[in-house]
Structure formats: C-alpha cells, structure tokens
Amino acid sequence: ASLERVSRFLNLFDPARVCRVVGGPHI
C-alpha cells in the first residue's frame, strides 16, 4: 500500500550522501 509513497519519499534523500535501505515482506 505504501510503495509509491515510499518511492517518492526516498527521492527526497541524496543518493550520494545517504545510503538507502528498504525492507519488509513486500519489497
């Protein structure tokens, strides 16, 4: 249910400065 929203949220973090880790049964 949160996939699109989390995707937008992650894009608010610089991928060269913040290591993005996602988890959970769905991802």
mmCIF file of all heavy atoms, coordinates in Angstrom:
data_MODEL
# 
_entry.id   MODEL 
# 
loop_
_atom_site.group_PDB 
_atom_site.id 
_atom_site.type_symbol 
_atom_site.label_atom_id 
_atom_site.label_alt_id 
_atom_site.label_comp_id 
_atom_site.label_asym_id 
_atom_site.label_entity_id 
_atom_site.label_seq_id 
_atom_site.pdbx_PDB_ins_code 
_atom_site.Cartn_x 
_atom_site.Cartn_y 
_atom_site.Cartn_z 
_atom_site.occupancy 
_atom_site.B_iso_or_equiv 
_atom_site.pdbx_formal_charge 
_atom_site.auth_seq_id 
_atom_site.auth_comp_id 
_atom_site.auth_asym_id 
_atom_site.auth_atom_id 
_atom_site.pdbx_PDB_model_num 
ATOM 1   N N   . ALA A 1 1  ? 0.811  -1.222 0.000  1.00 0.00 ? 1  ALA A N   1 
ATOM 2   C CA  . ALA A 1 1  ? 0.000  0.000  0.000  1.00 0.00 ? 1  ALA A CA  1 
ATOM 3   C C   . ALA A 1 1  ? 0.842  1.268  0.000  1.00 0.00 ? 1  ALA A C   1 
ATOM 4   O O   . ALA A 1 1  ? 0.396  2.314  -0.456 1.00 0.00 ? 1  ALA A O   1 
ATOM 5   C CB  . ALA A 1 1  ? -0.934 0.002  1.211  1.00 0.00 ? 1  ALA A CB  1 
ATOM 6   N N   . SER A 1 2  ? 2.076  1.188  0.503  1.00 0.00 ? 2  SER A N   1 
ATOM 7   C CA  . SER A 1 2  ? 2.896  2.392  0.618  1.00 0.00 ? 2  SER A CA  1 
ATOM 8   C C   . SER A 1 2  ? 3.989  2.496  -0.441 1.00 0.00 ? 2  SER A C   1 
ATOM 9   O O   . SER A 1 2  ? 4.798  3.423  -0.394 1.00 0.00 ? 2  SER A O   1 
ATOM 10  C CB  . SER A 1 2  ? 3.533  2.447  2.008  1.00 0.00 ? 2  SER A CB  1 
ATOM 11  O OG  . SER A 1 2  ? 4.437  1.379  2.187  1.00 0.00 ? 2  SER A OG  1 
ATOM 12  N N   . LEU A 1 3  ? 4.026  1.606  -1.396 1.00 0.00 ? 3  LEU A N   1 
ATOM 13  C CA  . LEU A 1 3  ? 5.124  1.541  -2.360 1.00 0.00 ? 3  LEU A CA  1 
ATOM 14  C C   . LEU A 1 3  ? 5.372  2.863  -3.080 1.00 0.00 ? 3  LEU A C   1 
ATOM 15  O O   . LEU A 1 3  ? 6.496  3.370  -3.087 1.00 0.00 ? 3  LEU A O   1 
ATOM 16  C CB  . LEU A 1 3  ? 4.867  0.423  -3.368 1.00 0.00 ? 3  LEU A CB  1 
ATOM 17  C CG  . LEU A 1 3  ? 5.972  0.171  -4.373 1.00 0.00 ? 3  LEU A CG  1 
ATOM 18  C CD1 . LEU A 1 3  ? 7.241  -0.280 -3.677 1.00 0.00 ? 3  LEU A CD1 1 
ATOM 19  C CD2 . LEU A 1 3  ? 5.534  -0.863 -5.372 1.00 0.00 ? 3  LEU A CD2 1 
ATOM 20  N N   . GLU A 1 4  ? 4.363  3.441  -3.682 1.00 0.00 ? 4  GLU A N   1 
ATOM 21  C CA  . GLU A 1 4  ? 4.557  4.684  -4.432 1.00 0.00 ? 4  GLU A CA  1 
ATOM 22  C C   . GLU A 1 4  ? 4.953  5.828  -3.504 1.00 0.00 ? 4  GLU A C   1 
ATOM 23  O O   . GLU A 1 4  ? 5.815  6.635  -3.831 1.00 0.00 ? 4  GLU A O   1 
ATOM 24  C CB  . GLU A 1 4  ? 3.283  5.067  -5.216 1.00 0.00 ? 4  GLU A CB  1 
ATOM 25  C CG  . GLU A 1 4  ? 3.000  4.154  -6.392 1.00 0.00 ? 4  GLU A CG  1 
ATOM 26  C CD  . GLU A 1 4  ? 2.297  2.858  -5.981 1.00 0.00 ? 4  GLU A CD  1 
ATOM 27  O OE1 . GLU A 1 4  ? 1.801  2.758  -4.833 1.00 0.00 ? 4  GLU A OE1 1 
ATOM 28  O OE2 . GLU A 1 4  ? 2.261  1.940  -6.815 1.00 0.00 ? 4  GLU A OE2 1 
ATOM 29  N N   . ARG A 1 5  ? 4.334  5.874  -2.351 1.00 0.00 ? 5  ARG A N   1 
ATOM 30  C CA  . ARG A 1 5  ? 4.630  6.947  -1.408 1.00 0.00 ? 5  ARG A CA  1 
ATOM 31  C C   . ARG A 1 5  ? 6.065  6.843  -0.883 1.00 0.00 ? 5  ARG A C   1 
ATOM 32  O O   . ARG A 1 5  ? 6.781  7.838  -0.800 1.00 0.00 ? 5  ARG A O   1 
ATOM 33  C CB  . ARG A 1 5  ? 3.631  6.889  -0.255 1.00 0.00 ? 5  ARG A CB  1 
ATOM 34  C CG  . ARG A 1 5  ? 3.769  8.034  0.689  1.00 0.00 ? 5  ARG A CG  1 
ATOM 35  C CD  . ARG A 1 5  ? 2.536  8.137  1.572  1.00 0.00 ? 5  ARG A CD  1 
ATOM 36  N NE  . ARG A 1 5  ? 2.785  9.142  2.568  1.00 0.00 ? 5  ARG A NE  1 
ATOM 37  C CZ  . ARG A 1 5  ? 2.592  8.961  3.850  1.00 0.00 ? 5  ARG A CZ  1 
ATOM 38  N NH1 . ARG A 1 5  ? 2.094  7.826  4.298  1.00 0.00 ? 5  ARG A NH1 1 
ATOM 39  N NH2 . ARG A 1 5  ? 2.840  9.919  4.704  1.00 0.00 ? 5  ARG A NH2 1 
ATOM 40  N N   . VAL A 1 6  ? 6.498  5.645  -0.544 1.00 0.00 ? 6  VAL A N   1 
ATOM 41  C CA  . VAL A 1 6  ? 7.865  5.454  -0.080 1.00 0.00 ? 6  VAL A CA  1 
ATOM 42  C C   . VAL A 1 6  ? 8.852  5.785  -1.196 1.00 0.00 ? 6  VAL A C   1 
ATOM 43  O O   . VAL A 1 6  ? 9.898  6.383  -0.947 1.00 0.00 ? 6  VAL A O   1 
ATOM 44  C CB  . VAL A 1 6  ? 8.080  4.016  0.454  1.00 0.00 ? 6  VAL A CB  1 
ATOM 45  C CG1 . VAL A 1 6  ? 9.551  3.721  0.675  1.00 0.00 ? 6  VAL A CG1 1 
ATOM 46  C CG2 . VAL A 1 6  ? 7.307  3.813  1.743  1.00 0.00 ? 6  VAL A CG2 1 
ATOM 47  N N   . SER A 1 7  ? 8.519  5.441  -2.421 1.00 0.00 ? 7  SER A N   1 
ATOM 48  C CA  . SER A 1 7  ? 9.393  5.770  -3.546 1.00 0.00 ? 7  SER A CA  1 
ATOM 49  C C   . SER A 1 7  ? 9.596  7.275  -3.657 1.00 0.00 ? 7  SER A C   1 
ATOM 50  O O   . SER A 1 7  ? 10.723 7.746  -3.834 1.00 0.00 ? 7  SER A O   1 
ATOM 51  C CB  . SER A 1 7  ? 8.813  5.231  -4.857 1.00 0.00 ? 7  SER A CB  1 
ATOM 52  O OG  . SER A 1 7  ? 8.809  3.836  -4.848 1.00 0.00 ? 7  SER A OG  1 
ATOM 53  N N   . ARG A 1 8  ? 8.528  8.026  -3.544 1.00 0.00 ? 8  ARG A N   1 
ATOM 54  C CA  . ARG A 1 8  ? 8.643  9.495  -3.582 1.00 0.00 ? 8  ARG A CA  1 
ATOM 55  C C   . ARG A 1 8  ? 9.455  9.999  -2.398 1.00 0.00 ? 8  ARG A C   1 
ATOM 56  O O   . ARG A 1 8  ? 10.286 10.903 -2.525 1.00 0.00 ? 8  ARG A O   1 
ATOM 57  C CB  . ARG A 1 8  ? 7.261  10.143 -3.606 1.00 0.00 ? 8  ARG A CB  1 
ATOM 58  C CG  . ARG A 1 8  ? 6.536  9.998  -4.932 1.00 0.00 ? 8  ARG A CG  1 
ATOM 59  C CD  . ARG A 1 8  ? 5.266  10.835 -5.000 1.00 0.00 ? 8  ARG A CD  1 
ATOM 60  N NE  . ARG A 1 8  ? 4.316  10.546 -3.951 1.00 0.00 ? 8  ARG A NE  1 
ATOM 61  C CZ  . ARG A 1 8  ? 3.380  9.597  -3.983 1.00 0.00 ? 8  ARG A CZ  1 
ATOM 62  N NH1 . ARG A 1 8  ? 3.274  8.834  -5.056 1.00 0.00 ? 8  ARG A NH1 1 
ATOM 63  N NH2 . ARG A 1 8  ? 2.559  9.408  -2.971 1.00 0.00 ? 8  ARG A NH2 1 
ATOM 64  N N   . PHE A 1 9  ? 9.224  9.426  -1.220 1.00 0.00 ? 9  PHE A N   1 
ATOM 65  C CA  . PHE A 1 9  ? 9.932  9.819  -0.007 1.00 0.00 ? 9  PHE A CA  1 
ATOM 66  C C   . PHE A 1 9  ? 11.441 9.578  -0.147 1.00 0.00 ? 9  PHE A C   1 
ATOM 67  O O   . PHE A 1 9  ? 12.249 10.438 0.189  1.00 0.00 ? 9  PHE A O   1 
ATOM 68  C CB  . PHE A 1 9  ? 9.364  9.042  1.188  1.00 0.00 ? 9  PHE A CB  1 
ATOM 69  C CG  . PHE A 1 9  ? 9.960  9.420  2.508  1.00 0.00 ? 9  PHE A CG  1 
ATOM 70  C CD1 . PHE A 1 9  ? 9.561  10.574 3.158  1.00 0.00 ? 9  PHE A CD1 1 
ATOM 71  C CD2 . PHE A 1 9  ? 10.905 8.612  3.115  1.00 0.00 ? 9  PHE A CD2 1 
ATOM 72  C CE1 . PHE A 1 9  ? 10.100 10.921 4.383  1.00 0.00 ? 9  PHE A CE1 1 
ATOM 73  C CE2 . PHE A 1 9  ? 11.446 8.940  4.341  1.00 0.00 ? 9  PHE A CE2 1 
ATOM 74  C CZ  . PHE A 1 9  ? 11.044 10.103 4.979  1.00 0.00 ? 9  PHE A CZ  1 
ATOM 75  N N   . LEU A 1 10 ? 11.812 8.421  -0.654 1.00 0.00 ? 10 LEU A N   1 
ATOM 76  C CA  . LEU A 1 10 ? 13.238 8.108  -0.815 1.00 0.00 ? 10 LEU A CA  1 
ATOM 77  C C   . LEU A 1 10 ? 13.937 9.110  -1.723 1.00 0.00 ? 10 LEU A C   1 
ATOM 78  O O   . LEU A 1 10 ? 15.107 9.432  -1.529 1.00 0.00 ? 10 LEU A O   1 
ATOM 79  C CB  . LEU A 1 10 ? 13.412 6.700  -1.381 1.00 0.00 ? 10 LEU A CB  1 
ATOM 80  C CG  . LEU A 1 10 ? 13.105 5.548  -0.438 1.00 0.00 ? 10 LEU A CG  1 
ATOM 81  C CD1 . LEU A 1 10 ? 13.149 4.226  -1.185 1.00 0.00 ? 10 LEU A CD1 1 
ATOM 82  C CD2 . LEU A 1 10 ? 14.033 5.526  0.747  1.00 0.00 ? 10 LEU A CD2 1 
ATOM 83  N N   . ASN A 1 11 ? 13.228 9.605  -2.703 1.00 0.00 ? 11 ASN A N   1 
ATOM 84  C CA  . ASN A 1 11 ? 13.830 10.564 -3.630 1.00 0.00 ? 11 ASN A CA  1 
ATOM 85  C C   . ASN A 1 11 ? 14.090 11.925 -3.003 1.00 0.00 ? 11 ASN A C   1 
ATOM 86  O O   . ASN A 1 11 ? 14.682 12.790 -3.640 1.00 0.00 ? 11 ASN A O   1 
ATOM 87  C CB  . ASN A 1 11 ? 12.986 10.684 -4.896 1.00 0.00 ? 11 ASN A CB  1 
ATOM 88  C CG  . ASN A 1 11 ? 13.139 9.461  -5.760 1.00 0.00 ? 11 ASN A CG  1 
ATOM 89  O OD1 . ASN A 1 11 ? 14.221 8.880  -5.856 1.00 0.00 ? 11 ASN A OD1 1 
ATOM 90  N ND2 . ASN A 1 11 ? 12.056 9.037  -6.381 1.00 0.00 ? 11 ASN A ND2 1 
ATOM 91  N N   . LEU A 1 12 ? 13.686 12.120 -1.752 1.00 0.00 ? 12 LEU A N   1 
ATOM 92  C CA  . LEU A 1 12 ? 13.974 13.355 -1.031 1.00 0.00 ? 12 LEU A CA  1 
ATOM 93  C C   . LEU A 1 12 ? 15.323 13.278 -0.308 1.00 0.00 ? 12 LEU A C   1 
ATOM 94  O O   . LEU A 1 12 ? 15.686 14.190 0.428  1.00 0.00 ? 12 LEU A O   1 
ATOM 95  C CB  . LEU A 1 12 ? 12.848 13.661 -0.034 1.00 0.00 ? 12 LEU A CB  1 
ATOM 96  C CG  . LEU A 1 12 ? 11.465 13.880 -0.673 1.00 0.00 ? 12 LEU A CG  1 
ATOM 97  C CD1 . LEU A 1 12 ? 10.394 14.014 0.408  1.00 0.00 ? 12 LEU A CD1 1 
ATOM 98  C CD2 . LEU A 1 12 ? 11.481 15.109 -1.573 1.00 0.00 ? 12 LEU A CD2 1 
ATOM 99  N N   . PHE A 1 13 ? 16.073 12.185 -0.546 1.00 0.00 ? 13 PHE A N   1 
ATOM 100 C CA  . PHE A 1 13 ? 17.380 11.980 0.075  1.00 0.00 ? 13 PHE A CA  1 
ATOM 101 C C   . PHE A 1 13 ? 18.432 11.819 -1.012 1.00 0.00 ? 13 PHE A C   1 
ATOM 102 O O   . PHE A 1 13 ? 18.245 11.044 -1.951 1.00 0.00 ? 13 PHE A O   1 
ATOM 103 C CB  . PHE A 1 13 ? 17.351 10.740 0.979  1.00 0.00 ? 13 PHE A CB  1 
ATOM 104 C CG  . PHE A 1 13 ? 16.410 10.888 2.132  1.00 0.00 ? 13 PHE A CG  1 
ATOM 105 C CD1 . PHE A 1 13 ? 15.065 10.584 1.982  1.00 0.00 ? 13 PHE A CD1 1 
ATOM 106 C CD2 . PHE A 1 13 ? 16.850 11.378 3.344  1.00 0.00 ? 13 PHE A CD2 1 
ATOM 107 C CE1 . PHE A 1 13 ? 14.174 10.744 3.025  1.00 0.00 ? 13 PHE A CE1 1 
ATOM 108 C CE2 . PHE A 1 13 ? 15.969 11.543 4.400  1.00 0.00 ? 13 PHE A CE2 1 
ATOM 109 C CZ  . PHE A 1 13 ? 14.631 11.226 4.245  1.00 0.00 ? 13 PHE A CZ  1 
ATOM 110 N N   . ASP A 1 14 ? 19.528 12.530 -0.877 1.00 0.00 ? 14 ASP A N   1 
ATOM 111 C CA  . ASP A 1 14 ? 20.616 12.497 -1.848 1.00 0.00 ? 14 ASP A CA  1 
ATOM 112 C C   . ASP A 1 14 ? 21.247 11.096 -1.872 1.00 0.00 ? 14 ASP A C   1 
ATOM 113 O O   . ASP A 1 14 ? 21.816 10.664 -0.868 1.00 0.00 ? 14 ASP A O   1 
ATOM 114 C CB  . ASP A 1 14 ? 21.662 13.542 -1.464 1.00 0.00 ? 14 ASP A CB  1 
ATOM 115 C CG  . ASP A 1 14 ? 22.834 13.603 -2.421 1.00 0.00 ? 14 ASP A CG  1 
ATOM 116 O OD1 . ASP A 1 14 ? 22.916 12.782 -3.360 1.00 0.00 ? 14 ASP A OD1 1 
ATOM 117 O OD2 . ASP A 1 14 ? 23.682 14.495 -2.219 1.00 0.00 ? 14 ASP A OD2 1 
ATOM 118 N N   . PRO A 1 15 ? 21.163 10.383 -2.997 1.00 0.00 ? 15 PRO A N   1 
ATOM 119 C CA  . PRO A 1 15 ? 21.699 9.018  -3.055 1.00 0.00 ? 15 PRO A CA  1 
ATOM 120 C C   . PRO A 1 15 ? 23.230 8.956  -3.007 1.00 0.00 ? 15 PRO A C   1 
ATOM 121 O O   . PRO A 1 15 ? 23.802 7.884  -2.875 1.00 0.00 ? 15 PRO A O   1 
ATOM 122 C CB  . PRO A 1 15 ? 21.168 8.475  -4.382 1.00 0.00 ? 15 PRO A CB  1 
ATOM 123 C CG  . PRO A 1 15 ? 20.950 9.684  -5.218 1.00 0.00 ? 15 PRO A CG  1 
ATOM 124 C CD  . PRO A 1 15 ? 20.559 10.785 -4.266 1.00 0.00 ? 15 PRO A CD  1 
ATOM 125 N N   . ALA A 1 16 ? 23.906 10.100 -3.093 1.00 0.00 ? 16 ALA A N   1 
ATOM 126 C CA  . ALA A 1 16 ? 25.357 10.139 -2.956 1.00 0.00 ? 16 ALA A CA  1 
ATOM 127 C C   . ALA A 1 16 ? 25.767 10.456 -1.520 1.00 0.00 ? 16 ALA A C   1 
ATOM 128 O O   . ALA A 1 16 ? 26.944 10.372 -1.173 1.00 0.00 ? 16 ALA A O   1 
ATOM 129 C CB  . ALA A 1 16 ? 25.951 11.177 -3.899 1.00 0.00 ? 16 ALA A CB  1 
ATOM 130 N N   . ARG A 1 17 ? 24.799 10.805 -0.663 1.00 0.00 ? 17 ARG A N   1 
ATOM 131 C CA  . ARG A 1 17 ? 25.091 11.162 0.728  1.00 0.00 ? 17 ARG A CA  1 
ATOM 132 C C   . ARG A 1 17 ? 24.457 10.205 1.726  1.00 0.00 ? 17 ARG A C   1 
ATOM 133 O O   . ARG A 1 17 ? 24.977 9.990  2.809  1.00 0.00 ? 17 ARG A O   1 
ATOM 134 C CB  . ARG A 1 17 ? 24.603 12.588 1.015  1.00 0.00 ? 17 ARG A CB  1 
ATOM 135 C CG  . ARG A 1 17 ? 25.018 13.123 2.376  1.00 0.00 ? 17 ARG A CG  1 
ATOM 136 C CD  . ARG A 1 17 ? 24.444 14.483 2.685  1.00 0.00 ? 17 ARG A CD  1 
ATOM 137 N NE  . ARG A 1 17 ? 23.051 14.444 3.095  1.00 0.00 ? 17 ARG A NE  1 
ATOM 138 C CZ  . ARG A 1 17 ? 22.607 14.013 4.272  1.00 0.00 ? 17 ARG A CZ  1 
ATOM 139 N NH1 . ARG A 1 17 ? 23.422 13.536 5.159  1.00 0.00 ? 17 ARG A NH1 1 
ATOM 140 N NH2 . ARG A 1 17 ? 21.325 14.046 4.562  1.00 0.00 ? 17 ARG A NH2 1 
ATOM 141 N N   . VAL A 1 18 ? 23.291 9.632  1.368  1.00 0.00 ? 18 VAL A N   1 
ATOM 142 C CA  . VAL A 1 18 ? 22.543 8.785  2.290  1.00 0.00 ? 18 VAL A CA  1 
ATOM 143 C C   . VAL A 1 18 ? 22.377 7.395  1.684  1.00 0.00 ? 18 VAL A C   1 
ATOM 144 O O   . VAL A 1 18 ? 21.853 7.256  0.576  1.00 0.00 ? 18 VAL A O   1 
ATOM 145 C CB  . VAL A 1 18 ? 21.151 9.392  2.597  1.00 0.00 ? 18 VAL A CB  1 
ATOM 146 C CG1 . VAL A 1 18 ? 20.332 8.464  3.479  1.00 0.00 ? 18 VAL A CG1 1 
ATOM 147 C CG2 . VAL A 1 18 ? 21.293 10.769 3.238  1.00 0.00 ? 18 VAL A CG2 1 
ATOM 148 N N   . CYS A 1 19 ? 22.824 6.387  2.422  1.00 0.00 ? 19 CYS A N   1 
ATOM 149 C CA  . CYS A 1 19 ? 22.639 5.002  1.990  1.00 0.00 ? 19 CYS A CA  1 
ATOM 150 C C   . CYS A 1 19 ? 21.200 4.616  2.272  1.00 0.00 ? 19 CYS A C   1 
ATOM 151 O O   . CYS A 1 19 ? 20.751 4.606  3.412  1.00 0.00 ? 19 CYS A O   1 
ATOM 152 C CB  . CYS A 1 19 ? 23.603 4.100  2.765  1.00 0.00 ? 19 CYS A CB  1 
ATOM 153 S SG  . CYS A 1 19 ? 23.451 2.362  2.358  1.00 0.00 ? 19 CYS A SG  1 
ATOM 154 N N   . ARG A 1 20 ? 20.445 4.315  1.222  1.00 0.00 ? 20 ARG A N   1 
ATOM 155 C CA  . ARG A 1 20 ? 19.030 3.979  1.337  1.00 0.00 ? 20 ARG A CA  1 
ATOM 156 C C   . ARG A 1 20 ? 18.856 2.462  1.425  1.00 0.00 ? 20 ARG A C   1 
ATOM 157 O O   . ARG A 1 20 ? 19.271 1.738  0.526  1.00 0.00 ? 20 ARG A O   1 
ATOM 158 C CB  . ARG A 1 20 ? 18.259 4.482  0.126  1.00 0.00 ? 20 ARG A CB  1 
ATOM 159 C CG  . ARG A 1 20 ? 18.371 5.974  -0.141 1.00 0.00 ? 20 ARG A CG  1 
ATOM 160 C CD  . ARG A 1 20 ? 17.708 6.273  -1.467 1.00 0.00 ? 20 ARG A CD  1 
ATOM 161 N NE  . ARG A 1 20 ? 17.871 7.638  -1.906 1.00 0.00 ? 20 ARG A NE  1 
ATOM 162 C CZ  . ARG A 1 20 ? 17.388 8.087  -3.065 1.00 0.00 ? 20 ARG A CZ  1 
ATOM 163 N NH1 . ARG A 1 20 ? 16.716 7.277  -3.864 1.00 0.00 ? 20 ARG A NH1 1 
ATOM 164 N NH2 . ARG A 1 20 ? 17.567 9.331  -3.400 1.00 0.00 ? 20 ARG A NH2 1 
ATOM 165 N N   . VAL A 1 21 ? 18.223 2.018  2.517  1.00 0.00 ? 21 VAL A N   1 
ATOM 166 C CA  . VAL A 1 21 ? 17.977 0.592  2.723  1.00 0.00 ? 21 VAL A CA  1 
ATOM 167 C C   . VAL A 1 21 ? 16.476 0.398  2.900  1.00 0.00 ? 21 VAL A C   1 
ATOM 168 O O   . VAL A 1 21 ? 15.864 1.062  3.732  1.00 0.00 ? 21 VAL A O   1 
ATOM 169 C CB  . VAL A 1 21 ? 18.720 0.065  3.975  1.00 0.00 ? 21 VAL A CB  1 
ATOM 170 C CG1 . VAL A 1 21 ? 18.457 -1.426 4.176  1.00 0.00 ? 21 VAL A CG1 1 
ATOM 171 C CG2 . VAL A 1 21 ? 20.216 0.349  3.878  1.00 0.00 ? 21 VAL A CG2 1 
ATOM 172 N N   . VAL A 1 22 ? 15.894 -0.472 2.108  1.00 0.00 ? 22 VAL A N   1 
ATOM 173 C CA  . VAL A 1 22 ? 14.472 -0.781 2.239  1.00 0.00 ? 22 VAL A CA  1 
ATOM 174 C C   . VAL A 1 22 ? 14.316 -2.248 2.609  1.00 0.00 ? 22 VAL A C   1 
ATOM 175 O O   . VAL A 1 22 ? 15.156 -3.079 2.285  1.00 0.00 ? 22 VAL A O   1 
ATOM 176 C CB  . VAL A 1 22 ? 13.676 -0.462 0.954  1.00 0.00 ? 22 VAL A CB  1 
ATOM 177 C CG1 . VAL A 1 22 ? 13.673 1.036  0.666  1.00 0.00 ? 22 VAL A CG1 1 
ATOM 178 C CG2 . VAL A 1 22 ? 14.213 -1.238 -0.238 1.00 0.00 ? 22 VAL A CG2 1 
ATOM 179 N N   . GLY A 1 23 ? 13.234 -2.543 3.306  1.00 0.00 ? 23 GLY A N   1 
ATOM 180 C CA  . GLY A 1 23 ? 12.983 -3.916 3.697  1.00 0.00 ? 23 GLY A CA  1 
ATOM 181 C C   . GLY A 1 23 ? 11.513 -4.131 3.967  1.00 0.00 ? 23 GLY A C   1 
ATOM 182 O O   . GLY A 1 23 ? 10.703 -3.211 3.882  1.00 0.00 ? 23 GLY A O   1 
ATOM 183 N N   . GLY A 1 24 ? 11.207 -5.358 4.284  1.00 0.00 ? 24 GLY A N   1 
ATOM 184 C CA  . GLY A 1 24 ? 9.829  -5.724 4.553  1.00 0.00 ? 24 GLY A CA  1 
ATOM 185 C C   . GLY A 1 24 ? 9.409  -6.858 3.643  1.00 0.00 ? 24 GLY A C   1 
ATOM 186 O O   . GLY A 1 24 ? 10.061 -7.130 2.631  1.00 0.00 ? 24 GLY A O   1 
ATOM 187 N N   . PRO A 1 25 ? 8.324  -7.514 3.992  1.00 0.00 ? 25 PRO A N   1 
ATOM 188 C CA  . PRO A 1 25 ? 7.904  -8.689 3.243  1.00 0.00 ? 25 PRO A CA  1 
ATOM 189 C C   . PRO A 1 25 ? 7.503  -8.394 1.804  1.00 0.00 ? 25 PRO A C   1 
ATOM 190 O O   . PRO A 1 25 ? 7.605  -9.263 0.943  1.00 0.00 ? 25 PRO A O   1 
ATOM 191 C CB  . PRO A 1 25 ? 6.715  -9.219 4.040  1.00 0.00 ? 25 PRO A CB  1 
ATOM 192 C CG  . PRO A 1 25 ? 6.223  -8.055 4.812  1.00 0.00 ? 25 PRO A CG  1 
ATOM 193 C CD  . PRO A 1 25 ? 7.421  -7.198 5.092  1.00 0.00 ? 25 PRO A CD  1 
ATOM 194 N N   . HIS A 1 26 ? 7.096  -7.191 1.525  1.00 0.00 ? 26 HIS A N   1 
ATOM 195 C CA  . HIS A 1 26 ? 6.609  -6.882 0.185  1.00 0.00 ? 26 HIS A CA  1 
ATOM 196 C C   . HIS A 1 26 ? 7.738  -6.499 -0.761 1.00 0.00 ? 26 HIS A C   1 
ATOM 197 O O   . HIS A 1 26 ? 7.758  -6.910 -1.913 1.00 0.00 ? 26 HIS A O   1 
ATOM 198 C CB  . HIS A 1 26 ? 5.551  -5.779 0.240  1.00 0.00 ? 26 HIS A CB  1 
ATOM 199 C CG  . HIS A 1 26 ? 4.399  -6.146 1.110  1.00 0.00 ? 26 HIS A CG  1 
ATOM 200 N ND1 . HIS A 1 26 ? 3.157  -6.416 0.607  1.00 0.00 ? 26 HIS A ND1 1 
ATOM 201 C CD2 . HIS A 1 26 ? 4.308  -6.330 2.452  1.00 0.00 ? 26 HIS A CD2 1 
ATOM 202 C CE1 . HIS A 1 26 ? 2.348  -6.744 1.602  1.00 0.00 ? 26 HIS A CE1 1 
ATOM 203 N NE2 . HIS A 1 26 ? 3.029  -6.694 2.722  1.00 0.00 ? 26 HIS A NE2 1 
ATOM 204 N N   . ILE A 1 27 ? 8.684  -5.720 -0.267 1.00 0.00 ? 27 ILE A N   1 
ATOM 205 C CA  . ILE A 1 27 ? 9.757  -5.230 -1.139 1.00 0.00 ? 27 ILE A CA  1 
ATOM 206 C C   . ILE A 1 27 ? 10.718 -6.348 -1.525 1.00 0.00 ? 27 ILE A C   1 
ATOM 207 O O   . ILE A 1 27 ? 11.345 -6.305 -2.579 1.00 0.00 ? 27 ILE A O   1 
ATOM 208 C CB  . ILE A 1 27 ? 10.505 -4.046 -0.485 1.00 0.00 ? 27 ILE A CB  1 
ATOM 209 C CG1 . ILE A 1 27 ? 11.289 -3.258 -1.533 1.00 0.00 ? 27 ILE A CG1 1 
ATOM 210 C CG2 . ILE A 1 27 ? 11.401 -4.510 0.642  1.00 0.00 ? 27 ILE A CG2 1 
ATOM 211 C CD1 . ILE A 1 27 ? 10.451 -2.653 -2.614 1.00 0.00 ? 27 ILE A CD1 1 
# 
